[in-house]
Amino acid sequence: MSRIGQQEIKIEEGVTVTVEGKKVTVKGALGEIAVSLPENLNIQINEGIMLLNTEEETKQARSNHGTYRMILSNAVEGVKNGFSKNLELVGVGYRARMEGSKLVMSLGLNHPVEVEPIEGIQIEVPEETKIVIKGYDKQKVGEVAAKIRELKKPEPYKGKGIRYQDEYIRRKSSKSNLGAA
């Protein structure tokens, strides 16, 4: 059995969980997330605690057990507290600003790059070189952050590009020194 799947999920105050067949709906102050469970999983709710059980002991059932337990745990935490990812723009002239709900970035190209946030995601620019992505769905927050980072990945020679806040970029030395040997 999955060790993560065996752990119980505490339903926090202000969060309601409803189960209709294999569909679990988690509602909170920030939003609502619906999760469809696979056929080989069952859910039990007792006194503010959710517990996932497998119907069969197949490899797929064990994999789903831990995965869906974490998805439900993240849904409970997300509708209560929310999630955020921080990005940094590194490079001369790399800037970001908000125009309405749209994120507009100057990334060294001959045109500004615009990003429209998806439903349930808020984008903030506290400084010209910092972007904060917030939302109640952990998967959507990570997806939007990855799409923004993909626009200008950090390059290994100067480190220019869009990176996560505490990301370490492995630097390479230039090849100009090879001819002197």
N, C-alpha and C. Protein backbone atom coordinates (compact mmCIF):
# COMPACT_ATOMS: atom_id res chain seq x y z
N MET A 1 0.83 -1.19 0.00
CA MET A 1 0.00 0.00 0.00
C MET A 1 0.87 1.25 0.00
N SER A 2 0.29 2.32 -0.46
CA SER A 2 1.01 3.58 -0.52
C SER A 2 1.09 4.20 0.87
N ARG A 3 2.28 4.60 1.27
CA ARG A 3 2.44 5.23 2.59
C ARG A 3 1.80 6.61 2.62
N ILE A 4 1.92 7.34 1.53
CA ILE A 4 1.29 8.66 1.47
C ILE A 4 -0.22 8.50 1.41
N GLY A 5 -0.71 7.52 0.67
CA GLY A 5 -2.15 7.30 0.54
C GLY A 5 -2.81 6.91 1.84
N GLN A 6 -2.09 6.30 2.75
CA GLN A 6 -2.66 5.88 4.03
C GLN A 6 -2.86 7.05 4.98
N GLN A 7 -2.15 8.15 4.77
CA GLN A 7 -2.28 9.29 5.68
C GLN A 7 -3.66 9.93 5.52
N GLU A 8 -4.19 10.38 6.63
CA GLU A 8 -5.50 11.01 6.60
C GLU A 8 -5.36 12.49 6.25
N ILE A 9 -6.45 13.05 5.71
CA ILE A 9 -6.49 14.46 5.32
C ILE A 9 -7.43 15.17 6.28
N LYS A 10 -6.91 16.16 6.99
CA LYS A 10 -7.73 16.93 7.93
C LYS A 10 -8.46 18.01 7.14
N ILE A 11 -9.79 18.03 7.28
CA ILE A 11 -10.59 19.06 6.63
C ILE A 11 -10.60 20.28 7.55
N GLU A 12 -9.98 21.35 7.09
CA GLU A 12 -9.81 22.54 7.92
C GLU A 12 -11.13 23.30 8.07
N GLU A 13 -11.15 24.17 9.07
CA GLU A 13 -12.33 24.98 9.33
C GLU A 13 -12.57 25.94 8.17
N GLY A 14 -13.82 26.05 7.74
CA GLY A 14 -14.15 26.91 6.62
C GLY A 14 -14.12 26.20 5.28
N VAL A 15 -13.80 24.90 5.29
CA VAL A 15 -13.75 24.10 4.06
C VAL A 15 -14.83 23.03 4.14
N THR A 16 -15.62 22.90 3.07
CA THR A 16 -16.63 21.85 3.01
C THR A 16 -16.29 20.87 1.90
N VAL A 17 -16.48 19.60 2.18
CA VAL A 17 -16.20 18.54 1.22
C VAL A 17 -17.48 17.75 1.01
N THR A 18 -17.89 17.61 -0.27
CA THR A 18 -19.07 16.80 -0.60
C THR A 18 -18.65 15.71 -1.56
N VAL A 19 -19.27 14.53 -1.39
CA VAL A 19 -18.96 13.37 -2.23
C VAL A 19 -20.23 12.92 -2.91
N GLU A 20 -20.18 12.81 -4.25
CA GLU A 20 -21.30 12.28 -5.04
C GLU A 20 -20.74 11.18 -5.93
N GLY A 21 -20.87 9.94 -5.50
CA GLY A 21 -20.30 8.82 -6.24
C GLY A 21 -18.79 8.90 -6.19
N LYS A 22 -18.15 9.08 -7.34
CA LYS A 22 -16.69 9.18 -7.41
C LYS A 22 -16.21 10.62 -7.59
N LYS A 23 -17.14 11.58 -7.47
CA LYS A 23 -16.78 13.00 -7.63
C LYS A 23 -16.72 13.66 -6.26
N VAL A 24 -15.56 14.27 -5.95
CA VAL A 24 -15.35 14.95 -4.68
C VAL A 24 -15.24 16.44 -4.97
N THR A 25 -16.06 17.26 -4.28
CA THR A 25 -16.04 18.70 -4.45
C THR A 25 -15.56 19.34 -3.16
N VAL A 26 -14.52 20.18 -3.27
CA VAL A 26 -13.95 20.88 -2.12
C VAL A 26 -14.23 22.37 -2.30
N LYS A 27 -14.95 22.97 -1.32
CA LYS A 27 -15.29 24.39 -1.39
C LYS A 27 -14.68 25.12 -0.21
N GLY A 28 -14.21 26.33 -0.47
CA GLY A 28 -13.63 27.15 0.58
C GLY A 28 -13.78 28.62 0.25
N ALA A 29 -13.11 29.46 1.03
CA ALA A 29 -13.22 30.90 0.86
C ALA A 29 -12.66 31.37 -0.48
N LEU A 30 -11.62 30.71 -0.99
CA LEU A 30 -10.97 31.18 -2.22
C LEU A 30 -11.58 30.60 -3.50
N GLY A 31 -12.26 29.45 -3.41
CA GLY A 31 -12.82 28.87 -4.63
C GLY A 31 -13.32 27.47 -4.40
N GLU A 32 -13.51 26.76 -5.52
CA GLU A 32 -14.07 25.41 -5.50
C GLU A 32 -13.29 24.53 -6.47
N ILE A 33 -12.93 23.33 -6.01
CA ILE A 33 -12.19 22.38 -6.84
C ILE A 33 -12.95 21.06 -6.85
N ALA A 34 -13.17 20.50 -8.04
CA ALA A 34 -13.83 19.20 -8.18
C ALA A 34 -12.80 18.18 -8.65
N VAL A 35 -12.76 17.03 -7.97
CA VAL A 35 -11.82 15.96 -8.30
C VAL A 35 -12.62 14.69 -8.56
N SER A 36 -12.37 14.05 -9.70
CA SER A 36 -13.01 12.78 -10.02
C SER A 36 -12.06 11.65 -9.67
N LEU A 37 -12.49 10.77 -8.78
CA LEU A 37 -11.65 9.65 -8.35
C LEU A 37 -11.73 8.52 -9.36
N PRO A 38 -10.65 7.76 -9.54
CA PRO A 38 -10.71 6.60 -10.42
C PRO A 38 -11.55 5.48 -9.78
N GLU A 39 -11.88 4.48 -10.58
CA GLU A 39 -12.77 3.39 -10.14
C GLU A 39 -12.19 2.59 -8.98
N ASN A 40 -10.86 2.52 -8.85
CA ASN A 40 -10.27 1.65 -7.84
C ASN A 40 -10.05 2.33 -6.49
N LEU A 41 -10.60 3.53 -6.28
CA LEU A 41 -10.45 4.25 -5.01
C LEU A 41 -11.81 4.58 -4.40
N ASN A 42 -11.87 4.52 -3.07
CA ASN A 42 -13.05 4.94 -2.31
C ASN A 42 -12.63 6.00 -1.32
N ILE A 43 -13.58 6.85 -0.93
CA ILE A 43 -13.28 7.89 0.05
C ILE A 43 -14.26 7.78 1.21
N GLN A 44 -13.74 8.01 2.42
CA GLN A 44 -14.56 8.03 3.63
C GLN A 44 -14.33 9.36 4.33
N ILE A 45 -15.42 9.95 4.82
CA ILE A 45 -15.31 11.21 5.57
C ILE A 45 -15.94 10.98 6.94
N ASN A 46 -15.15 11.16 7.99
CA ASN A 46 -15.62 11.01 9.37
C ASN A 46 -15.10 12.16 10.22
N GLU A 47 -15.98 12.96 10.79
CA GLU A 47 -15.65 13.99 11.76
C GLU A 47 -14.48 14.88 11.33
N GLY A 48 -14.55 15.42 10.13
CA GLY A 48 -13.54 16.35 9.66
C GLY A 48 -12.25 15.70 9.17
N ILE A 49 -12.30 14.40 8.89
CA ILE A 49 -11.11 13.70 8.39
C ILE A 49 -11.50 12.88 7.16
N MET A 50 -10.72 13.04 6.08
CA MET A 50 -10.92 12.25 4.86
C MET A 50 -9.89 11.13 4.83
N LEU A 51 -10.32 9.97 4.35
CA LEU A 51 -9.41 8.83 4.23
C LEU A 51 -9.70 8.13 2.91
N LEU A 52 -8.65 7.89 2.12
CA LEU A 52 -8.78 7.19 0.84
C LEU A 52 -8.42 5.72 1.02
N ASN A 53 -9.20 4.84 0.39
CA ASN A 53 -8.94 3.40 0.44
C ASN A 53 -8.94 2.84 -0.97
N THR A 54 -8.14 1.78 -1.19
CA THR A 54 -8.13 1.11 -2.49
C THR A 54 -9.05 -0.09 -2.44
N GLU A 55 -9.70 -0.39 -3.57
CA GLU A 55 -10.57 -1.56 -3.67
C GLU A 55 -9.78 -2.81 -4.02
N GLU A 56 -8.65 -2.64 -4.72
CA GLU A 56 -7.85 -3.77 -5.18
C GLU A 56 -6.38 -3.46 -4.98
N GLU A 57 -5.56 -4.47 -5.01
CA GLU A 57 -4.11 -4.30 -4.78
C GLU A 57 -3.33 -4.45 -6.09
N THR A 58 -3.65 -3.65 -7.09
CA THR A 58 -2.89 -3.66 -8.32
C THR A 58 -1.88 -2.52 -8.28
N LYS A 59 -0.93 -2.56 -9.20
CA LYS A 59 0.08 -1.51 -9.26
C LYS A 59 -0.57 -0.15 -9.54
N GLN A 60 -1.55 -0.14 -10.45
CA GLN A 60 -2.23 1.11 -10.79
C GLN A 60 -3.01 1.65 -9.59
N ALA A 61 -3.63 0.78 -8.83
CA ALA A 61 -4.39 1.22 -7.65
C ALA A 61 -3.46 1.83 -6.60
N ARG A 62 -2.29 1.23 -6.40
CA ARG A 62 -1.33 1.77 -5.43
C ARG A 62 -0.81 3.13 -5.89
N SER A 63 -0.55 3.28 -7.19
CA SER A 63 -0.09 4.56 -7.73
C SER A 63 -1.15 5.64 -7.56
N ASN A 64 -2.39 5.30 -7.90
CA ASN A 64 -3.49 6.26 -7.77
C ASN A 64 -3.74 6.65 -6.32
N HIS A 65 -3.53 5.71 -5.40
CA HIS A 65 -3.81 5.95 -3.99
C HIS A 65 -3.04 7.16 -3.47
N GLY A 66 -1.73 7.18 -3.63
CA GLY A 66 -0.91 8.28 -3.15
C GLY A 66 -1.12 9.56 -3.94
N THR A 67 -1.30 9.42 -5.26
CA THR A 67 -1.47 10.59 -6.11
C THR A 67 -2.76 11.34 -5.77
N TYR A 68 -3.86 10.61 -5.69
CA TYR A 68 -5.14 11.28 -5.44
C TYR A 68 -5.25 11.76 -4.00
N ARG A 69 -4.55 11.13 -3.07
CA ARG A 69 -4.52 11.63 -1.70
C ARG A 69 -3.87 13.01 -1.67
N MET A 70 -2.75 13.18 -2.40
CA MET A 70 -2.08 14.49 -2.44
C MET A 70 -2.91 15.52 -3.21
N ILE A 71 -3.60 15.10 -4.26
CA ILE A 71 -4.45 16.03 -5.00
C ILE A 71 -5.55 16.57 -4.09
N LEU A 72 -6.19 15.68 -3.31
CA LEU A 72 -7.24 16.12 -2.39
C LEU A 72 -6.67 16.98 -1.26
N SER A 73 -5.50 16.62 -0.76
CA SER A 73 -4.87 17.41 0.30
C SER A 73 -4.53 18.81 -0.20
N ASN A 74 -4.01 18.91 -1.42
CA ASN A 74 -3.70 20.21 -2.01
C ASN A 74 -4.96 21.02 -2.28
N ALA A 75 -6.07 20.33 -2.64
CA ALA A 75 -7.33 21.04 -2.86
C ALA A 75 -7.83 21.65 -1.56
N VAL A 76 -7.74 20.90 -0.45
CA VAL A 76 -8.20 21.41 0.85
C VAL A 76 -7.34 22.60 1.27
N GLU A 77 -6.03 22.48 1.12
CA GLU A 77 -5.13 23.59 1.49
C GLU A 77 -5.32 24.79 0.57
N GLY A 78 -5.53 24.54 -0.72
CA GLY A 78 -5.65 25.62 -1.71
C GLY A 78 -6.88 26.48 -1.52
N VAL A 79 -8.04 25.86 -1.26
CA VAL A 79 -9.25 26.66 -1.10
C VAL A 79 -9.25 27.40 0.23
N LYS A 80 -8.42 26.97 1.18
CA LYS A 80 -8.31 27.65 2.48
C LYS A 80 -7.25 28.76 2.43
N ASN A 81 -6.01 28.43 2.00
CA ASN A 81 -4.89 29.37 2.06
C ASN A 81 -4.42 29.86 0.70
N GLY A 82 -4.53 29.04 -0.33
CA GLY A 82 -4.03 29.40 -1.66
C GLY A 82 -2.56 29.05 -1.83
N PHE A 83 -2.08 29.12 -3.06
CA PHE A 83 -0.69 28.82 -3.40
C PHE A 83 -0.11 29.99 -4.18
N SER A 84 1.22 30.11 -4.17
CA SER A 84 1.86 31.15 -4.97
C SER A 84 3.22 30.68 -5.45
N LYS A 85 3.63 31.21 -6.59
CA LYS A 85 4.97 30.98 -7.15
C LYS A 85 5.56 32.33 -7.47
N ASN A 86 6.85 32.49 -7.18
CA ASN A 86 7.54 33.76 -7.43
C ASN A 86 8.55 33.56 -8.56
N LEU A 87 8.54 34.48 -9.52
CA LEU A 87 9.48 34.45 -10.64
C LEU A 87 10.33 35.71 -10.60
N GLU A 88 11.56 35.60 -11.10
CA GLU A 88 12.46 36.76 -11.21
C GLU A 88 12.88 36.91 -12.66
N LEU A 89 12.99 38.16 -13.11
CA LEU A 89 13.51 38.45 -14.43
C LEU A 89 14.94 38.94 -14.25
N VAL A 90 15.89 38.25 -14.89
CA VAL A 90 17.30 38.59 -14.76
C VAL A 90 17.82 38.94 -16.15
N GLY A 91 18.36 40.13 -16.30
CA GLY A 91 18.91 40.55 -17.58
C GLY A 91 18.71 42.03 -17.78
N VAL A 92 19.58 42.63 -18.56
CA VAL A 92 19.50 44.06 -18.82
C VAL A 92 18.26 44.34 -19.67
N GLY A 93 17.39 45.21 -19.19
CA GLY A 93 16.19 45.57 -19.93
C GLY A 93 15.03 44.62 -19.74
N TYR A 94 15.17 43.56 -18.96
CA TYR A 94 14.07 42.63 -18.73
C TYR A 94 13.17 43.24 -17.65
N ARG A 95 11.94 43.57 -18.03
CA ARG A 95 11.00 44.24 -17.13
C ARG A 95 9.62 43.63 -17.30
N ALA A 96 8.81 43.77 -16.25
CA ALA A 96 7.42 43.31 -16.29
C ALA A 96 6.53 44.40 -15.71
N ARG A 97 5.29 44.46 -16.20
CA ARG A 97 4.31 45.40 -15.67
C ARG A 97 2.92 44.83 -15.94
N MET A 98 1.95 45.35 -15.21
CA MET A 98 0.57 44.92 -15.41
C MET A 98 -0.18 46.00 -16.18
N GLU A 99 -0.94 45.57 -17.17
CA GLU A 99 -1.85 46.47 -17.90
C GLU A 99 -3.23 45.87 -17.76
N GLY A 100 -3.99 46.35 -16.79
CA GLY A 100 -5.28 45.74 -16.48
C GLY A 100 -5.02 44.40 -15.81
N SER A 101 -5.57 43.34 -16.36
CA SER A 101 -5.31 42.01 -15.81
C SER A 101 -4.20 41.30 -16.59
N LYS A 102 -3.68 41.95 -17.64
CA LYS A 102 -2.68 41.35 -18.52
C LYS A 102 -1.26 41.63 -18.03
N LEU A 103 -0.39 40.63 -18.09
CA LEU A 103 1.02 40.80 -17.76
C LEU A 103 1.77 41.12 -19.06
N VAL A 104 2.51 42.24 -19.06
CA VAL A 104 3.28 42.66 -20.23
C VAL A 104 4.75 42.68 -19.83
N MET A 105 5.58 41.95 -20.62
CA MET A 105 7.00 41.85 -20.29
C MET A 105 7.87 42.28 -21.46
N SER A 106 8.99 42.94 -21.14
CA SER A 106 10.03 43.25 -22.11
C SER A 106 11.15 42.26 -21.87
N LEU A 107 11.39 41.38 -22.85
CA LEU A 107 12.36 40.29 -22.67
C LEU A 107 13.49 40.33 -23.68
N GLY A 108 13.87 41.52 -24.14
CA GLY A 108 14.95 41.63 -25.09
C GLY A 108 14.53 41.33 -26.52
N LEU A 109 13.26 41.17 -26.76
CA LEU A 109 12.75 40.95 -28.11
C LEU A 109 12.32 42.29 -28.69
N ASN A 110 11.97 42.31 -29.98
CA ASN A 110 11.58 43.58 -30.59
C ASN A 110 10.10 43.90 -30.38
N HIS A 111 9.43 43.12 -29.54
CA HIS A 111 8.03 43.38 -29.22
C HIS A 111 7.77 42.97 -27.77
N PRO A 112 6.82 43.61 -27.11
CA PRO A 112 6.49 43.19 -25.74
C PRO A 112 5.73 41.86 -25.76
N VAL A 113 5.95 41.04 -24.75
CA VAL A 113 5.28 39.75 -24.64
C VAL A 113 4.14 39.91 -23.64
N GLU A 114 2.92 39.51 -24.06
CA GLU A 114 1.75 39.65 -23.20
C GLU A 114 1.26 38.27 -22.77
N VAL A 115 0.87 38.17 -21.49
CA VAL A 115 0.34 36.92 -20.94
C VAL A 115 -0.99 37.23 -20.28
N GLU A 116 -2.02 36.52 -20.70
CA GLU A 116 -3.37 36.67 -20.13
C GLU A 116 -3.55 35.59 -19.07
N PRO A 117 -3.90 35.95 -17.82
CA PRO A 117 -4.07 34.92 -16.78
C PRO A 117 -5.31 34.08 -17.04
N ILE A 118 -5.24 32.80 -16.65
CA ILE A 118 -6.39 31.92 -16.80
C ILE A 118 -7.30 32.08 -15.58
N GLU A 119 -8.48 31.51 -15.65
CA GLU A 119 -9.47 31.65 -14.58
C GLU A 119 -8.94 31.09 -13.26
N GLY A 120 -9.10 31.84 -12.20
CA GLY A 120 -8.67 31.40 -10.88
C GLY A 120 -7.23 31.76 -10.54
N ILE A 121 -6.54 32.48 -11.44
CA ILE A 121 -5.14 32.85 -11.23
C ILE A 121 -5.02 34.37 -11.21
N GLN A 122 -4.30 34.89 -10.22
CA GLN A 122 -3.99 36.32 -10.18
C GLN A 122 -2.48 36.49 -10.36
N ILE A 123 -2.11 37.46 -11.17
CA ILE A 123 -0.70 37.77 -11.39
C ILE A 123 -0.43 39.16 -10.83
N GLU A 124 0.64 39.28 -10.04
CA GLU A 124 1.02 40.56 -9.46
C GLU A 124 2.47 40.87 -9.83
N VAL A 125 2.79 42.15 -9.93
CA VAL A 125 4.16 42.58 -10.20
C VAL A 125 4.54 43.59 -9.11
N PRO A 126 5.11 43.10 -7.98
CA PRO A 126 5.49 44.03 -6.91
C PRO A 126 6.68 44.92 -7.28
N GLU A 127 7.61 44.41 -8.10
CA GLU A 127 8.74 45.18 -8.61
C GLU A 127 8.83 44.91 -10.11
N GLU A 128 9.64 45.69 -10.80
CA GLU A 128 9.77 45.51 -12.25
C GLU A 128 10.37 44.16 -12.63
N THR A 129 11.16 43.58 -11.74
CA THR A 129 11.84 42.32 -12.06
C THR A 129 11.29 41.13 -11.29
N LYS A 130 10.15 41.28 -10.64
CA LYS A 130 9.55 40.19 -9.87
C LYS A 130 8.10 40.00 -10.28
N ILE A 131 7.68 38.72 -10.40
CA ILE A 131 6.32 38.36 -10.75
C ILE A 131 5.82 37.36 -9.71
N VAL A 132 4.62 37.58 -9.19
CA VAL A 132 4.01 36.67 -8.23
C VAL A 132 2.73 36.12 -8.84
N ILE A 133 2.61 34.79 -8.88
CA ILE A 133 1.44 34.12 -9.43
C ILE A 133 0.72 33.46 -8.26
N LYS A 134 -0.56 33.79 -8.08
CA LYS A 134 -1.34 33.28 -6.95
C LYS A 134 -2.61 32.61 -7.45
N GLY A 135 -3.07 31.62 -6.68
CA GLY A 135 -4.32 30.95 -7.01
C GLY A 135 -4.63 29.86 -5.99
N TYR A 136 -5.82 29.29 -6.10
CA TYR A 136 -6.22 28.24 -5.16
C TYR A 136 -5.95 26.84 -5.70
N ASP A 137 -5.68 26.70 -6.99
CA ASP A 137 -5.40 25.40 -7.60
C ASP A 137 -3.89 25.29 -7.85
N LYS A 138 -3.23 24.40 -7.12
CA LYS A 138 -1.78 24.26 -7.18
C LYS A 138 -1.31 23.91 -8.59
N GLN A 139 -2.05 23.06 -9.29
CA GLN A 139 -1.67 22.65 -10.63
C GLN A 139 -1.71 23.83 -11.60
N LYS A 140 -2.74 24.66 -11.53
CA LYS A 140 -2.85 25.81 -12.43
C LYS A 140 -1.77 26.85 -12.14
N VAL A 141 -1.47 27.07 -10.85
CA VAL A 141 -0.42 28.04 -10.48
C VAL A 141 0.91 27.59 -11.07
N GLY A 142 1.25 26.32 -10.91
CA GLY A 142 2.50 25.80 -11.46
C GLY A 142 2.54 25.83 -12.97
N GLU A 143 1.39 25.56 -13.59
CA GLU A 143 1.31 25.57 -15.05
C GLU A 143 1.54 26.97 -15.62
N VAL A 144 0.91 27.98 -15.03
CA VAL A 144 1.08 29.36 -15.49
C VAL A 144 2.52 29.81 -15.27
N ALA A 145 3.09 29.47 -14.10
CA ALA A 145 4.48 29.85 -13.83
C ALA A 145 5.42 29.19 -14.83
N ALA A 146 5.19 27.94 -15.17
CA ALA A 146 6.05 27.24 -16.13
C ALA A 146 5.91 27.83 -17.54
N LYS A 147 4.70 28.23 -17.92
CA LYS A 147 4.51 28.83 -19.24
C LYS A 147 5.20 30.19 -19.34
N ILE A 148 5.16 30.97 -18.26
CA ILE A 148 5.85 32.27 -18.27
C ILE A 148 7.35 32.05 -18.31
N ARG A 149 7.86 31.09 -17.54
CA ARG A 149 9.30 30.79 -17.52
C ARG A 149 9.76 30.29 -18.89
N GLU A 150 8.91 29.56 -19.58
CA GLU A 150 9.24 29.00 -20.90
C GLU A 150 9.47 30.09 -21.95
N LEU A 151 8.90 31.29 -21.73
CA LEU A 151 9.06 32.38 -22.70
C LEU A 151 10.52 32.79 -22.86
N LYS A 152 11.31 32.72 -21.78
CA LYS A 152 12.72 33.08 -21.84
C LYS A 152 13.44 32.32 -20.72
N LYS A 153 13.78 31.06 -21.00
CA LYS A 153 14.45 30.24 -20.00
C LYS A 153 15.82 30.83 -19.66
N PRO A 154 16.29 30.63 -18.44
CA PRO A 154 17.62 31.13 -18.08
C PRO A 154 18.69 30.42 -18.89
N GLU A 155 19.61 31.18 -19.45
CA GLU A 155 20.66 30.57 -20.25
C GLU A 155 21.89 30.37 -19.37
N PRO A 156 22.73 29.36 -19.66
CA PRO A 156 23.80 28.97 -18.74
C PRO A 156 25.05 29.85 -18.77
N TYR A 157 25.20 30.77 -19.72
CA TYR A 157 26.44 31.54 -19.81
C TYR A 157 26.38 32.83 -18.99
N LYS A 158 25.31 33.58 -19.10
CA LYS A 158 25.17 34.81 -18.32
C LYS A 158 24.07 34.71 -17.27
N GLY A 159 23.22 33.70 -17.37
CA GLY A 159 22.14 33.53 -16.40
C GLY A 159 20.92 34.38 -16.70
N LYS A 160 20.85 34.99 -17.89
CA LYS A 160 19.74 35.85 -18.25
C LYS A 160 18.49 35.02 -18.53
N GLY A 161 17.35 35.55 -18.15
CA GLY A 161 16.09 34.88 -18.43
C GLY A 161 15.12 35.00 -17.26
N ILE A 162 14.06 34.20 -17.32
CA ILE A 162 13.05 34.16 -16.25
C ILE A 162 13.30 32.91 -15.44
N ARG A 163 13.45 33.07 -14.12
CA ARG A 163 13.70 31.92 -13.26
C ARG A 163 12.80 31.97 -12.04
N TYR A 164 12.63 30.81 -11.41
CA TYR A 164 11.92 30.76 -10.14
C TYR A 164 12.76 31.48 -9.09
N GLN A 165 12.14 31.93 -8.02
CA GLN A 165 12.82 32.80 -7.07
C GLN A 165 14.10 32.20 -6.49
N ASP A 166 14.07 30.99 -6.00
CA ASP A 166 15.26 30.40 -5.39
C ASP A 166 15.93 29.36 -6.29
N GLU A 167 15.73 29.45 -7.59
CA GLU A 167 16.30 28.48 -8.52
C GLU A 167 17.79 28.77 -8.73
N TYR A 168 18.58 27.72 -8.72
CA TYR A 168 20.01 27.84 -8.97
C TYR A 168 20.26 27.51 -10.44
N ILE A 169 20.93 28.41 -11.14
CA ILE A 169 21.26 28.20 -12.55
C ILE A 169 22.72 27.79 -12.62
N ARG A 170 22.97 26.62 -13.15
CA ARG A 170 24.34 26.14 -13.29
C ARG A 170 25.01 26.89 -14.43
N ARG A 171 26.10 27.54 -14.13
CA ARG A 171 26.76 28.41 -15.09
C ARG A 171 27.88 27.66 -15.80
N LYS A 172 28.08 27.97 -17.08
CA LYS A 172 29.17 27.42 -17.89
C LYS A 172 30.18 28.52 -18.16
N SER A 173 31.43 28.13 -18.31
CA SER A 173 32.42 29.12 -18.69
C SER A 173 32.39 29.29 -20.21
N SER A 174 32.81 30.43 -20.68
CA SER A 174 32.81 30.65 -22.12
C SER A 174 33.92 29.83 -22.77
N LYS A 175 33.80 29.60 -24.05
CA LYS A 175 34.78 28.76 -24.75
C LYS A 175 35.92 29.56 -25.33
N SER A 176 36.05 30.82 -24.98
CA SER A 176 37.10 31.67 -25.56
C SER A 176 38.47 31.30 -25.02
N ASN A 177 38.56 30.62 -23.89
CA ASN A 177 39.86 30.29 -23.31
C ASN A 177 40.49 29.03 -23.91
N LEU A 178 39.79 28.29 -24.73
CA LEU A 178 40.30 27.01 -25.23
C LEU A 178 41.45 27.18 -26.22
N GLY A 179 41.50 28.26 -26.97
CA GLY A 179 42.54 28.46 -27.97
C GLY A 179 43.92 28.79 -27.37
N ALA A 180 43.98 29.23 -26.15
CA ALA A 180 45.24 29.64 -25.51
C ALA A 180 46.08 28.47 -25.05
N ALA A 181 45.53 27.27 -25.00
CA ALA A 181 46.28 26.12 -24.50
C ALA A 181 47.25 25.66 -25.46
